[in-house]
């Protein structure tokens, strides 16, 4: 387990951004920056499925209070069909989110940091499952979603 309170872990994201800005200046891309943290500034991060046809790709975004994961379940139901919300099962653990559709795991994420599991929920928008989870440490920006 990585101790995220170590000084170098806290400094790393800011140092990476500073480095990117310097590289951009040297290569003539001055003014072009990356977000300070992954999944911020309205820019979602797409994660491809690791399980091939079994899993689903997802998009995640964060702010200081919560993390949101959007999973397109269209591939699980077929072209033109609607997702049956009764077949969705989302499990929230302190550092893990598991989403099943029709008893099959479609997304399983071991998280970078801890959640407030009582502050986690999901909604269905068309065939997109939107999982919203409150962070255990408000104000913490994660450099990545997965541990």
C-alpha atoms as a PDB file:
ATOM      1  CA  UNK A   1       0.000   0.000   0.000  1.00  0.00           C
ATOM      2  CA  UNK A   2       1.354   3.408  -0.964  1.00  0.00           C
ATOM      3  CA  UNK A   3       1.523   6.060   1.748  1.00  0.00           C
ATOM      4  CA  UNK A   4       0.018   9.089  -0.027  1.00  0.00           C
ATOM      5  CA  UNK A   5       1.002  11.433   2.815  1.00  0.00           C
ATOM      6  CA  UNK A   6       4.716  11.230   1.906  1.00  0.00           C
ATOM      7  CA  UNK A   7       6.052  14.623   0.868  1.00  0.00           C
ATOM      8  CA  UNK A   8       7.113  13.459  -2.613  1.00  0.00           C
ATOM      9  CA  UNK A   9       3.623  12.032  -3.296  1.00  0.00           C
ATOM     10  CA  UNK A  10       2.000  15.329  -2.365  1.00  0.00           C
ATOM     11  CA  UNK A  11       4.433  17.372  -4.518  1.00  0.00           C
ATOM     12  CA  UNK A  12       4.492  15.066  -7.571  1.00  0.00           C
ATOM     13  CA  UNK A  13       1.327  16.277  -9.390  1.00  0.00           C
ATOM     14  CA  UNK A  14       2.350  19.949  -9.181  1.00  0.00           C
ATOM     15  CA  UNK A  15       5.931  19.161 -10.226  1.00  0.00           C
ATOM     16  CA  UNK A  16       4.647  17.186 -13.210  1.00  0.00           C
ATOM     17  CA  UNK A  17       2.559  20.147 -14.363  1.00  0.00           C
ATOM     18  CA  UNK A  18       5.533  22.517 -13.952  1.00  0.00           C
ATOM     19  CA  UNK A  19       7.682  20.114 -15.987  1.00  0.00           C
ATOM     20  CA  UNK A  20       5.032  19.918 -18.733  1.00  0.00           C
ATOM     21  CA  UNK A  21       4.853  23.706 -18.900  1.00  0.00           C
ATOM     22  CA  UNK A  22       8.654  23.918 -19.281  1.00  0.00           C
ATOM     23  CA  UNK A  23       8.634  21.273 -22.030  1.00  0.00           C
ATOM     24  CA  UNK A  24       5.825  23.170 -23.801  1.00  0.00           C
ATOM     25  CA  UNK A  25       7.868  26.385 -23.747  1.00  0.00           C
ATOM     26  CA  UNK A  26      10.965  24.633 -25.138  1.00  0.00           C
ATOM     27  CA  UNK A  27       8.969  22.914 -27.898  1.00  0.00           C
ATOM     28  CA  UNK A  28       7.047  26.039 -28.857  1.00  0.00           C
ATOM     29  CA  UNK A  29       3.720  25.066 -27.312  1.00  0.00           C
ATOM     30  CA  UNK A  30       3.848  27.860 -24.743  1.00  0.00           C
ATOM     31  CA  UNK A  31       0.552  28.379 -22.933  1.00  0.00           C
ATOM     32  CA  UNK A  32      -0.624  24.802 -23.485  1.00  0.00           C
ATOM     33  CA  UNK A  33      -1.140  23.038 -20.154  1.00  0.00           C
ATOM     34  CA  UNK A  34      -2.558  19.835 -18.856  1.00  0.00           C
ATOM     35  CA  UNK A  35      -5.073  19.873 -16.000  1.00  0.00           C
ATOM     36  CA  UNK A  36      -3.431  19.944 -12.550  1.00  0.00           C
ATOM     37  CA  UNK A  37      -5.091  16.626 -11.743  1.00  0.00           C
ATOM     38  CA  UNK A  38      -6.628  13.917 -13.866  1.00  0.00           C
ATOM     39  CA  UNK A  39     -10.376  14.146 -14.373  1.00  0.00           C
ATOM     40  CA  UNK A  40     -10.611  17.869 -13.553  1.00  0.00           C
ATOM     41  CA  UNK A  41     -11.490  21.112 -15.300  1.00  0.00           C
ATOM     42  CA  UNK A  42     -14.456  19.455 -17.006  1.00  0.00           C
ATOM     43  CA  UNK A  43     -12.186  17.013 -18.832  1.00  0.00           C
ATOM     44  CA  UNK A  44     -13.120  13.376 -18.257  1.00  0.00           C
ATOM     45  CA  UNK A  45     -10.579  10.587 -18.457  1.00  0.00           C
ATOM     46  CA  UNK A  46     -11.543   7.584 -20.599  1.00  0.00           C
ATOM     47  CA  UNK A  47     -10.503   4.168 -19.321  1.00  0.00           C
ATOM     48  CA  UNK A  48     -10.693   1.223 -21.713  1.00  0.00           C
ATOM     49  CA  UNK A  49     -12.009  -2.111 -20.504  1.00  0.00           C
ATOM     50  CA  UNK A  50      -9.338  -4.490 -19.242  1.00  0.00           C
ATOM     51  CA  UNK A  51     -11.612  -7.492 -19.648  1.00  0.00           C
ATOM     52  CA  UNK A  52     -12.215  -7.283 -23.380  1.00  0.00           C
ATOM     53  CA  UNK A  53     -15.819  -8.127 -24.240  1.00  0.00           C
ATOM     54  CA  UNK A  54     -16.780  -8.876 -20.616  1.00  0.00           C
ATOM     55  CA  UNK A  55     -16.047  -5.420 -19.240  1.00  0.00           C
ATOM     56  CA  UNK A  56     -17.075  -1.921 -20.254  1.00  0.00           C
ATOM     57  CA  UNK A  57     -15.017   1.180 -20.869  1.00  0.00           C
ATOM     58  CA  UNK A  58     -15.841   4.161 -18.687  1.00  0.00           C
ATOM     59  CA  UNK A  59     -15.208   7.861 -18.289  1.00  0.00           C
ATOM     60  CA  UNK A  60     -14.341   9.438 -14.936  1.00  0.00           C
ATOM     61  CA  UNK A  61     -14.217  12.978 -13.651  1.00  0.00           C
ATOM     62  CA  UNK A  62     -13.647  14.503 -10.218  1.00  0.00           C
ATOM     63  CA  UNK A  63     -13.915  17.631  -8.148  1.00  0.00           C
ATOM     64  CA  UNK A  64     -12.781  18.284  -4.576  1.00  0.00           C
ATOM     65  CA  UNK A  65     -15.804  16.512  -3.065  1.00  0.00           C
ATOM     66  CA  UNK A  66     -16.649  13.601  -5.356  1.00  0.00           C
ATOM     67  CA  UNK A  67     -15.731  11.246  -8.167  1.00  0.00           C
ATOM     68  CA  UNK A  68     -18.106  10.410 -11.003  1.00  0.00           C
ATOM     69  CA  UNK A  69     -17.805   7.370 -13.266  1.00  0.00           C
ATOM     70  CA  UNK A  70     -19.959   7.038 -16.394  1.00  0.00           C
ATOM     71  CA  UNK A  71     -20.323   3.566 -17.905  1.00  0.00           C
ATOM     72  CA  UNK A  72     -21.957   3.045 -21.307  1.00  0.00           C
ATOM     73  CA  UNK A  73     -23.932  -0.182 -20.916  1.00  0.00           C
ATOM     74  CA  UNK A  74     -25.180  -0.215 -24.539  1.00  0.00           C
ATOM     75  CA  UNK A  75     -22.731  -2.984 -25.435  1.00  0.00           C
ATOM     76  CA  UNK A  76     -24.303  -5.198 -22.769  1.00  0.00           C
ATOM     77  CA  UNK A  77     -27.886  -4.919 -24.045  1.00  0.00           C
ATOM     78  CA  UNK A  78     -27.421  -4.718 -27.805  1.00  0.00           C
ATOM     79  CA  UNK A  79     -28.148  -2.121 -30.450  1.00  0.00           C
ATOM     80  CA  UNK A  80     -31.340  -0.118 -29.863  1.00  0.00           C
ATOM     81  CA  UNK A  81     -32.301  -1.893 -26.621  1.00  0.00           C
ATOM     82  CA  UNK A  82     -32.696  -0.248 -23.226  1.00  0.00           C
ATOM     83  CA  UNK A  83     -30.776  -1.148 -20.095  1.00  0.00           C
ATOM     84  CA  UNK A  84     -32.922  -2.827 -17.440  1.00  0.00           C
ATOM     85  CA  UNK A  85     -32.123  -1.004 -14.191  1.00  0.00           C
ATOM     86  CA  UNK A  86     -33.244  -4.023 -12.171  1.00  0.00           C
ATOM     87  CA  UNK A  87     -30.223  -5.929 -13.547  1.00  0.00           C
ATOM     88  CA  UNK A  88     -27.735  -3.333 -12.241  1.00  0.00           C
ATOM     89  CA  UNK A  89     -25.863  -4.038  -9.012  1.00  0.00           C
ATOM     90  CA  UNK A  90     -23.328  -1.503  -7.752  1.00  0.00           C
ATOM     91  CA  UNK A  91     -21.222  -2.270  -4.677  1.00  0.00           C
ATOM     92  CA  UNK A  92     -19.309   0.463  -2.885  1.00  0.00           C
ATOM     93  CA  UNK A  93     -16.418  -0.342  -0.575  1.00  0.00           C
ATOM     94  CA  UNK A  94     -13.930   2.004   1.082  1.00  0.00           C
ATOM     95  CA  UNK A  95     -11.461   1.761  -1.832  1.00  0.00           C
ATOM     96  CA  UNK A  96     -13.305  -0.252  -4.455  1.00  0.00           C
ATOM     97  CA  UNK A  97     -16.294   0.096  -6.776  1.00  0.00           C
ATOM     98  CA  UNK A  98     -17.835  -2.927  -8.487  1.00  0.00           C
ATOM     99  CA  UNK A  99     -20.614  -2.655 -11.067  1.00  0.00           C
ATOM    100  CA  UNK A 100     -22.456  -5.719 -12.332  1.00  0.00           C
ATOM    101  CA  UNK A 101     -25.025  -5.975 -15.082  1.00  0.00           C
ATOM    102  CA  UNK A 102     -27.076  -9.166 -15.247  1.00  0.00           C
ATOM    103  CA  UNK A 103     -24.739 -10.666 -12.569  1.00  0.00           C
ATOM    104  CA  UNK A 104     -21.660 -10.068 -14.777  1.00  0.00           C
ATOM    105  CA  UNK A 105     -18.932  -7.659 -13.627  1.00  0.00           C
ATOM    106  CA  UNK A 106     -18.690  -4.806 -16.128  1.00  0.00           C
ATOM    107  CA  UNK A 107     -16.488  -2.431 -14.089  1.00  0.00           C
ATOM    108  CA  UNK A 108     -14.313  -3.135 -11.077  1.00  0.00           C
ATOM    109  CA  UNK A 109     -12.043  -0.342  -9.860  1.00  0.00           C
ATOM    110  CA  UNK A 110      -9.620  -0.402  -6.946  1.00  0.00           C
ATOM    111  CA  UNK A 111      -9.444   3.259  -6.042  1.00  0.00           C
ATOM    112  CA  UNK A 112      -6.527   5.593  -5.449  1.00  0.00           C
ATOM    113  CA  UNK A 113      -8.030   6.843  -2.185  1.00  0.00           C
ATOM    114  CA  UNK A 114     -10.996   6.293   0.118  1.00  0.00           C
ATOM    115  CA  UNK A 115     -14.690   6.936  -0.408  1.00  0.00           C
ATOM    116  CA  UNK A 116     -17.496   7.835   1.958  1.00  0.00           C
ATOM    117  CA  UNK A 117     -19.531   4.741   1.060  1.00  0.00           C
ATOM    118  CA  UNK A 118     -22.711   6.250   2.523  1.00  0.00           C
ATOM    119  CA  UNK A 119     -22.349   9.074  -0.008  1.00  0.00           C
ATOM    120  CA  UNK A 120     -22.259   6.813  -3.084  1.00  0.00           C
ATOM    121  CA  UNK A 121     -25.123   6.349  -5.506  1.00  0.00           C
ATOM    122  CA  UNK A 122     -25.895   5.620  -9.151  1.00  0.00           C
ATOM    123  CA  UNK A 123     -28.386   6.812 -11.727  1.00  0.00           C
ATOM    124  CA  UNK A 124     -29.279   5.629 -15.213  1.00  0.00           C
ATOM    125  CA  UNK A 125     -29.337   8.204 -18.026  1.00  0.00           C
ATOM    126  CA  UNK A 126     -30.424   6.504 -21.251  1.00  0.00           C
ATOM    127  CA  UNK A 127     -27.990   3.550 -21.384  1.00  0.00           C
ATOM    128  CA  UNK A 128     -25.303   5.330 -19.356  1.00  0.00           C
ATOM    129  CA  UNK A 129     -24.830   4.301 -15.750  1.00  0.00           C
ATOM    130  CA  UNK A 130     -23.577   7.299 -13.754  1.00  0.00           C
ATOM    131  CA  UNK A 131     -21.896   6.378 -10.455  1.00  0.00           C
ATOM    132  CA  UNK A 132     -21.323   9.292  -8.076  1.00  0.00           C
ATOM    133  CA  UNK A 133     -19.255   8.850  -4.917  1.00  0.00           C
ATOM    134  CA  UNK A 134     -18.266  11.293  -2.199  1.00  0.00           C
ATOM    135  CA  UNK A 135     -14.580  11.283  -1.284  1.00  0.00           C
ATOM    136  CA  UNK A 136     -13.744  10.433   2.335  1.00  0.00           C
ATOM    137  CA  UNK A 137     -11.294  13.351   2.460  1.00  0.00           C
ATOM    138  CA  UNK A 138     -13.030  16.446   1.128  1.00  0.00           C
ATOM    139  CA  UNK A 139     -10.692  18.705  -0.812  1.00  0.00           C
ATOM    140  CA  UNK A 140      -8.419  15.857  -1.919  1.00  0.00           C
ATOM    141  CA  UNK A 141      -7.667  15.797  -5.639  1.00  0.00           C
ATOM    142  CA  UNK A 142      -6.639  12.382  -6.917  1.00  0.00           C
ATOM    143  CA  UNK A 143      -3.835  12.205  -9.504  1.00  0.00           C
ATOM    144  CA  UNK A 144      -5.554   9.109 -10.927  1.00  0.00           C
ATOM    145  CA  UNK A 145      -8.651   7.006 -10.246  1.00  0.00           C
ATOM    146  CA  UNK A 146      -7.078   3.601  -9.734  1.00  0.00           C
ATOM    147  CA  UNK A 147      -4.694   2.529  -6.987  1.00  0.00           C
END
